[in-house]
Amino acid sequence: MLLLLATSVPDLPRFTLSSVFTQWGIDPFLFVVTVWVTGLYLVGVAALRRRGDHWPLGRTLAFVVGGMGSFYVATQSGIGAYDTVLLSVHMVQHMVLSMIVPLFLALGAPVTLALRTLPSRPRGWLLAALHSRVARVLSFAPLAFLLFVISPWALYFTGWYDATLTSTYVHEMTHIHLVLVGTLFFWPLVGIDPLPGRVDFPFRMLLVFLTLPFHAFLGVTIMNQTSLIGGEWYTSLRDGPMGAWLPTAADDQHVAGGILWGSGDLVAIVFFGVLFTQWVRQSMKEAAREDRRLDLLEAREQRNP
């Protein structure tokens, strides 16, 4: 079955960096998701501006360009075209969807935007959802971290990944799953939106630090294992027209593991920087508030010696 389906994959030219920008396509479902989510956010920003309220440009750029822009590139560019041809390209897509997209979406603070722009009844529904038991459970930091860690192991070491290669529905839903799991992990840690499950900065830094050995161990495991992930699928591709330029499945898997290892650590370091910056800004605001409080106390004492 896998072999027959693999022969139906379009004949693509040799993958190079330029292929990311030249092999664009349209995945209808994911394209509609991109347009709708981006459009709803921009409608909210426009509504705020019409009534004279301020919304930081940085948040808009983070959500639209960094978040949904990265989602669009990962699913519609050459990365999406080759994600079932090369495991290494899929791994780039995986890291973008599970780490980069959720991080930038969180920095865009869409929940805060929704709370400021929705009519009273939908706003009440959103508030009820945010304070529900389900939201508290899903945003519980240790559980979100566990889901974030377990998902890649389940994807690559069960029949799940083979299913993504043979089913368009499973393939698309896996993309959405990666973003949602990354969102559950990153959003409470970034702490801009009023979500349950937010923790103090030291614990946030600890959780991000714990992702480093996880990515390293998973990446090294994929690099060194002798059994091939999606082996029947990728081997059959090498018997077709693309076999002239495709690397061996084992070599491609070795590269994929290295990408997972290196990019996971790189994104975690970037996130460390985001958290550290937020921590410093929060400390400065708290210090300024304390200075004002002490100044008021001093002024009162001087008026009432």
Protein backbone atom coordinates (compact mmCIF):
# COMPACT_ATOMS: atom_id res chain seq x y z
CA MET A 1 0.00 0.00 0.00
CA LEU A 2 2.73 2.47 0.99
CA LEU A 3 4.70 1.53 -2.13
CA LEU A 4 1.75 2.17 -4.45
CA LEU A 5 0.99 5.51 -2.85
CA ALA A 6 4.62 6.61 -2.94
CA THR A 7 4.70 6.14 -6.70
CA SER A 8 1.96 8.77 -6.99
CA VAL A 9 4.15 11.51 -5.46
CA PRO A 10 4.87 14.22 -8.08
CA ASP A 11 8.31 14.13 -9.67
CA LEU A 12 10.18 17.04 -8.08
CA PRO A 13 13.60 18.45 -9.01
CA ARG A 14 16.60 18.10 -6.71
CA PHE A 15 15.97 19.85 -3.42
CA THR A 16 18.12 22.91 -2.77
CA LEU A 17 17.65 25.99 -0.62
CA SER A 18 16.13 27.80 -3.61
CA SER A 19 13.46 25.07 -3.83
CA VAL A 20 11.88 26.53 -0.70
CA PHE A 21 11.07 29.67 -2.71
CA THR A 22 10.36 28.14 -6.13
CA GLN A 23 8.18 25.11 -5.36
CA TRP A 24 5.12 26.85 -3.94
CA GLY A 25 1.74 25.14 -3.88
CA ILE A 26 -1.66 25.39 -2.23
CA ASP A 27 -2.90 23.02 0.45
CA PRO A 28 -6.57 24.16 0.42
CA PHE A 29 -7.46 23.38 4.02
CA LEU A 30 -4.31 24.81 5.59
CA PHE A 31 -4.45 27.82 3.26
CA VAL A 32 -8.01 28.59 4.42
CA VAL A 33 -6.91 28.20 8.05
CA THR A 34 -4.08 30.67 7.46
CA VAL A 35 -6.32 33.25 5.79
CA TRP A 36 -9.09 33.01 8.39
CA VAL A 37 -6.86 33.17 11.47
CA THR A 38 -4.82 36.05 10.05
CA GLY A 39 -7.93 37.86 8.90
CA LEU A 40 -9.69 37.59 12.26
CA TYR A 41 -6.64 39.00 14.02
CA LEU A 42 -6.36 41.94 11.63
CA VAL A 43 -10.09 42.64 11.96
CA GLY A 44 -9.58 42.88 15.73
CA VAL A 45 -6.64 45.26 15.32
CA ALA A 46 -8.65 47.42 12.91
CA ALA A 47 -11.58 47.53 15.36
CA LEU A 48 -9.29 48.81 18.12
CA ARG A 49 -7.84 51.50 15.90
CA ARG A 50 -11.27 52.67 14.74
CA ARG A 51 -12.24 53.43 18.31
CA GLY A 52 -8.91 55.11 19.00
CA ASP A 53 -7.32 52.40 21.15
CA HIS A 54 -3.64 51.51 20.84
CA TRP A 55 -2.39 48.06 19.88
CA PRO A 56 1.40 47.54 19.68
CA LEU A 57 2.71 47.09 16.16
CA GLY A 58 5.20 44.52 17.46
CA ARG A 59 2.38 42.23 18.54
CA THR A 60 0.72 42.47 15.13
CA LEU A 61 3.99 41.70 13.36
CA ALA A 62 4.69 38.80 15.73
CA PHE A 63 1.31 37.17 15.10
CA VAL A 64 0.84 37.90 11.40
CA VAL A 65 4.43 37.71 10.09
CA GLY A 66 6.25 35.58 12.66
CA GLY A 67 3.38 33.23 13.53
CA MET A 68 0.97 32.82 10.63
CA GLY A 69 3.65 33.80 8.11
CA SER A 70 5.85 30.96 9.35
CA PHE A 71 2.85 28.60 9.26
CA TYR A 72 2.15 29.59 5.65
CA VAL A 73 5.76 29.11 4.57
CA ALA A 74 6.04 25.76 6.37
CA THR A 75 2.92 24.35 4.71
CA GLN A 76 2.68 26.04 1.29
CA SER A 77 6.28 26.66 0.18
CA GLY A 78 8.86 24.16 -1.00
CA ILE A 79 9.04 22.90 2.58
CA GLY A 80 5.47 21.68 2.20
CA ALA A 81 6.16 20.31 -1.29
CA TYR A 82 9.09 18.15 -0.13
CA ASP A 83 7.88 17.21 3.36
CA THR A 84 6.83 13.72 2.20
CA VAL A 85 9.91 13.31 -0.01
CA LEU A 86 12.72 14.02 2.45
CA LEU A 87 12.51 13.31 6.17
CA SER A 88 15.05 16.08 6.73
CA VAL A 89 12.72 18.65 5.11
CA HIS A 90 9.82 17.32 7.16
CA MET A 91 11.92 17.80 10.29
CA VAL A 92 12.47 21.48 9.45
CA GLN A 93 8.72 21.80 9.02
CA HIS A 94 8.13 20.00 12.32
CA MET A 95 10.34 22.39 14.26
CA VAL A 96 8.79 25.46 12.64
CA LEU A 97 5.26 24.28 13.42
CA SER A 98 5.92 23.05 16.95
CA MET A 99 8.20 25.84 18.22
CA ILE A 100 8.53 28.92 16.01
CA VAL A 101 4.86 29.32 15.09
CA PRO A 102 3.53 28.89 18.68
CA LEU A 103 6.14 31.25 20.10
CA PHE A 104 5.27 34.08 17.74
CA LEU A 105 1.52 33.48 18.04
CA ALA A 106 1.89 33.81 21.81
CA LEU A 107 3.85 37.05 21.43
CA GLY A 108 0.95 38.40 19.35
CA ALA A 109 -1.41 38.13 22.38
CA PRO A 110 -4.53 37.14 20.39
CA VAL A 111 -6.57 36.32 23.52
CA THR A 112 -6.00 39.82 24.89
CA LEU A 113 -6.99 41.26 21.52
CA ALA A 114 -10.17 39.17 21.47
CA LEU A 115 -11.12 40.24 25.00
CA ARG A 116 -10.73 43.90 24.01
CA THR A 117 -12.75 43.68 20.78
CA LEU A 118 -15.43 40.99 21.11
CA PRO A 119 -19.05 41.96 21.90
CA SER A 120 -20.19 41.30 25.44
CA ARG A 121 -21.77 37.87 24.93
CA PRO A 122 -18.91 36.24 22.95
CA ARG A 123 -16.48 37.90 25.36
CA GLY A 124 -18.33 36.23 28.23
CA TRP A 125 -18.07 32.87 26.47
CA LEU A 126 -14.34 33.35 26.03
CA LEU A 127 -13.88 34.31 29.68
CA ALA A 128 -15.88 31.25 30.75
CA ALA A 129 -13.68 29.05 28.57
CA LEU A 130 -10.50 30.58 29.99
CA HIS A 131 -11.70 29.92 33.56
CA SER A 132 -13.03 26.43 32.84
CA ARG A 133 -11.58 23.28 34.37
CA VAL A 134 -10.54 22.04 30.92
CA ALA A 135 -8.46 25.20 30.34
CA ARG A 136 -6.83 24.90 33.77
CA VAL A 137 -5.92 21.26 33.14
CA LEU A 138 -4.58 21.78 29.61
CA SER A 139 -2.55 24.84 30.64
CA PHE A 140 -1.07 23.14 33.71
CA ALA A 141 2.63 23.67 32.98
CA PRO A 142 3.94 20.15 33.80
CA LEU A 143 1.15 18.53 31.74
CA ALA A 144 1.75 20.87 28.79
CA PHE A 145 5.48 20.08 28.98
CA LEU A 146 4.72 16.34 29.06
CA LEU A 147 2.51 16.59 25.96
CA PHE A 148 5.17 18.66 24.21
CA VAL A 149 7.82 16.04 24.97
CA ILE A 150 5.78 12.91 24.26
CA SER A 151 4.21 13.98 20.96
CA PRO A 152 7.38 13.67 18.80
CA TRP A 153 8.19 10.26 20.29
CA ALA A 154 4.66 9.09 19.50
CA LEU A 155 4.87 10.57 16.00
CA TYR A 156 8.12 8.91 14.97
CA PHE A 157 8.03 5.64 16.91
CA THR A 158 4.47 4.48 16.28
CA GLY A 159 2.46 4.04 13.08
CA TRP A 160 1.41 7.70 13.26
CA TYR A 161 4.11 9.00 10.91
CA ASP A 162 3.39 6.32 8.30
CA ALA A 163 -0.26 7.40 8.44
CA THR A 164 0.72 11.01 7.67
CA LEU A 165 2.43 9.81 4.50
CA THR A 166 -0.62 7.94 3.19
CA SER A 167 -3.51 10.12 4.39
CA THR A 168 -3.94 13.79 3.49
CA TYR A 169 -6.33 14.22 6.41
CA VAL A 170 -3.89 12.77 8.96
CA HIS A 171 -1.08 14.78 7.37
CA GLU A 172 -2.95 18.08 7.73
CA MET A 173 -4.28 17.31 11.21
CA THR A 174 -0.74 16.48 12.34
CA HIS A 175 0.36 19.97 11.27
CA ILE A 176 -2.46 21.45 13.35
CA HIS A 177 -1.60 19.14 16.26
CA LEU A 178 2.02 20.27 16.32
CA VAL A 179 0.96 23.91 16.50
CA LEU A 180 -1.65 23.26 19.20
CA VAL A 181 0.70 21.26 21.43
CA GLY A 182 3.39 23.90 21.02
CA THR A 183 0.79 26.54 21.88
CA LEU A 184 -0.22 24.76 25.09
CA PHE A 185 3.43 24.75 26.11
CA PHE A 186 4.54 28.22 25.02
CA TRP A 187 1.53 30.44 25.67
CA PRO A 188 1.43 30.24 29.49
CA LEU A 189 5.22 30.61 29.57
CA VAL A 190 5.23 33.76 27.45
CA GLY A 191 2.57 35.13 29.80
CA ILE A 192 1.17 38.02 27.74
CA ASP A 193 -2.38 36.72 27.47
CA PRO A 194 -4.47 36.24 30.65
CA LEU A 195 -4.34 32.45 30.54
CA PRO A 196 -4.50 29.99 33.42
CA GLY A 197 -1.36 28.03 34.16
CA ARG A 198 1.07 30.93 34.18
CA VAL A 199 4.02 30.41 36.49
CA ASP A 200 6.84 32.57 37.84
CA PHE A 201 9.82 33.33 35.64
CA PRO A 202 12.30 30.98 37.36
CA PHE A 203 10.00 28.01 36.72
CA ARG A 204 9.43 29.16 33.12
CA MET A 205 13.19 29.20 32.55
CA LEU A 206 13.46 25.73 34.09
CA LEU A 207 10.81 24.28 31.77
CA VAL A 208 12.54 25.68 28.70
CA PHE A 209 15.88 24.37 29.97
CA LEU A 210 14.36 20.89 30.30
CA THR A 211 13.51 20.86 26.58
CA LEU A 212 17.23 20.97 25.69
CA PRO A 213 18.13 17.38 26.68
CA PHE A 214 14.82 16.16 25.27
CA HIS A 215 15.58 17.49 21.78
CA ALA A 216 19.16 16.30 21.99
CA PHE A 217 18.21 12.78 23.06
CA LEU A 218 15.44 12.43 20.47
CA GLY A 219 17.64 13.83 17.72
CA VAL A 220 20.54 11.52 18.55
CA THR A 221 18.16 8.54 18.74
CA ILE A 222 16.81 9.27 15.26
CA MET A 223 20.32 9.81 13.90
CA ASN A 224 21.71 6.54 15.21
CA GLN A 225 18.86 4.05 14.94
CA THR A 226 19.15 1.42 12.21
CA SER A 227 15.42 1.10 11.51
CA LEU A 228 14.12 3.72 9.10
CA ILE A 229 11.25 6.08 9.91
CA GLY A 230 8.75 5.69 7.07
CA GLY A 231 11.25 3.27 5.58
CA GLU A 232 8.99 1.56 3.03
CA TRP A 233 7.69 4.91 1.76
CA TYR A 234 11.09 6.59 1.42
CA THR A 235 12.74 3.51 -0.06
CA SER A 236 10.06 3.25 -2.75
CA LEU A 237 10.60 6.89 -3.70
CA ARG A 238 14.19 6.05 -4.52
CA ASP A 239 13.01 3.49 -7.05
CA GLY A 240 11.13 6.20 -8.96
CA PRO A 241 12.15 9.21 -11.07
CA MET A 242 13.55 11.11 -8.08
CA GLY A 243 15.90 8.27 -7.19
CA ALA A 244 18.63 9.89 -9.30
CA TRP A 245 19.07 12.73 -6.83
CA LEU A 246 17.61 11.51 -3.55
CA PRO A 247 20.15 10.62 -0.83
CA THR A 248 19.83 7.24 0.80
CA ALA A 249 17.02 7.02 3.33
CA ALA A 250 19.55 6.30 6.09
CA ASP A 251 21.62 9.40 5.25
CA ASP A 252 18.51 11.57 5.08
CA GLN A 253 17.34 10.27 8.46
CA HIS A 254 20.76 11.04 9.95
CA VAL A 255 20.44 14.64 8.72
CA ALA A 256 16.86 14.83 10.04
CA GLY A 257 17.97 13.82 13.52
CA GLY A 258 20.70 16.44 13.47
CA ILE A 259 18.19 19.11 12.43
CA LEU A 260 15.91 18.15 15.31
CA TRP A 261 18.79 18.28 17.77
CA GLY A 262 20.35 21.54 16.61
CA SER A 263 17.23 23.54 15.80
CA GLY A 264 15.54 22.53 19.04
CA ASP A 265 18.42 23.89 21.05
CA LEU A 266 18.60 27.05 18.91
CA VAL A 267 14.91 27.88 19.33
CA ALA A 268 15.12 27.15 23.06
CA ILE A 269 17.98 29.64 23.36
CA VAL A 270 15.93 32.26 21.53
CA PHE A 271 13.05 31.59 23.91
CA PHE A 272 15.44 31.97 26.84
CA GLY A 273 16.21 35.42 25.48
CA VAL A 274 12.50 36.29 25.22
CA LEU A 275 11.84 35.15 28.79
CA PHE A 276 14.89 36.94 30.15
CA THR A 277 13.83 40.19 28.46
CA GLN A 278 10.33 39.85 29.88
CA TRP A 279 11.74 39.10 33.31
CA VAL A 280 13.95 42.20 33.25
CA ARG A 281 11.07 44.41 32.09
CA GLN A 282 8.78 43.04 34.80
CA SER A 283 11.46 43.63 37.43
CA MET A 284 11.95 47.21 36.23
CA LYS A 285 8.19 47.87 36.37
CA GLU A 286 7.97 46.40 39.87
CA ALA A 287 10.94 48.51 40.99
CA ALA A 288 9.30 51.64 39.53
CA ARG A 289 6.04 50.86 41.35
CA GLU A 290 7.91 50.31 44.61
CA ASP A 291 9.77 53.62 44.15
CA ARG A 292 6.46 55.44 43.64
CA ARG A 293 5.00 53.78 46.72
CA LEU A 294 7.99 54.79 48.85
CA ASP A 295 7.85 58.34 47.47
CA LEU A 296 4.17 58.58 48.45
CA LEU A 297 4.92 57.29 51.94
CA GLU A 298 7.75 59.77 52.31
CA ALA A 299 5.54 62.63 51.11
CA ARG A 300 2.84 61.71 53.62
CA GLU A 301 5.34 61.58 56.45
CA GLN A 302 6.62 65.04 55.54
CA ARG A 303 3.08 66.46 55.49
CA ASN A 304 2.23 64.76 58.80
CA PRO A 305 5.41 64.86 60.89
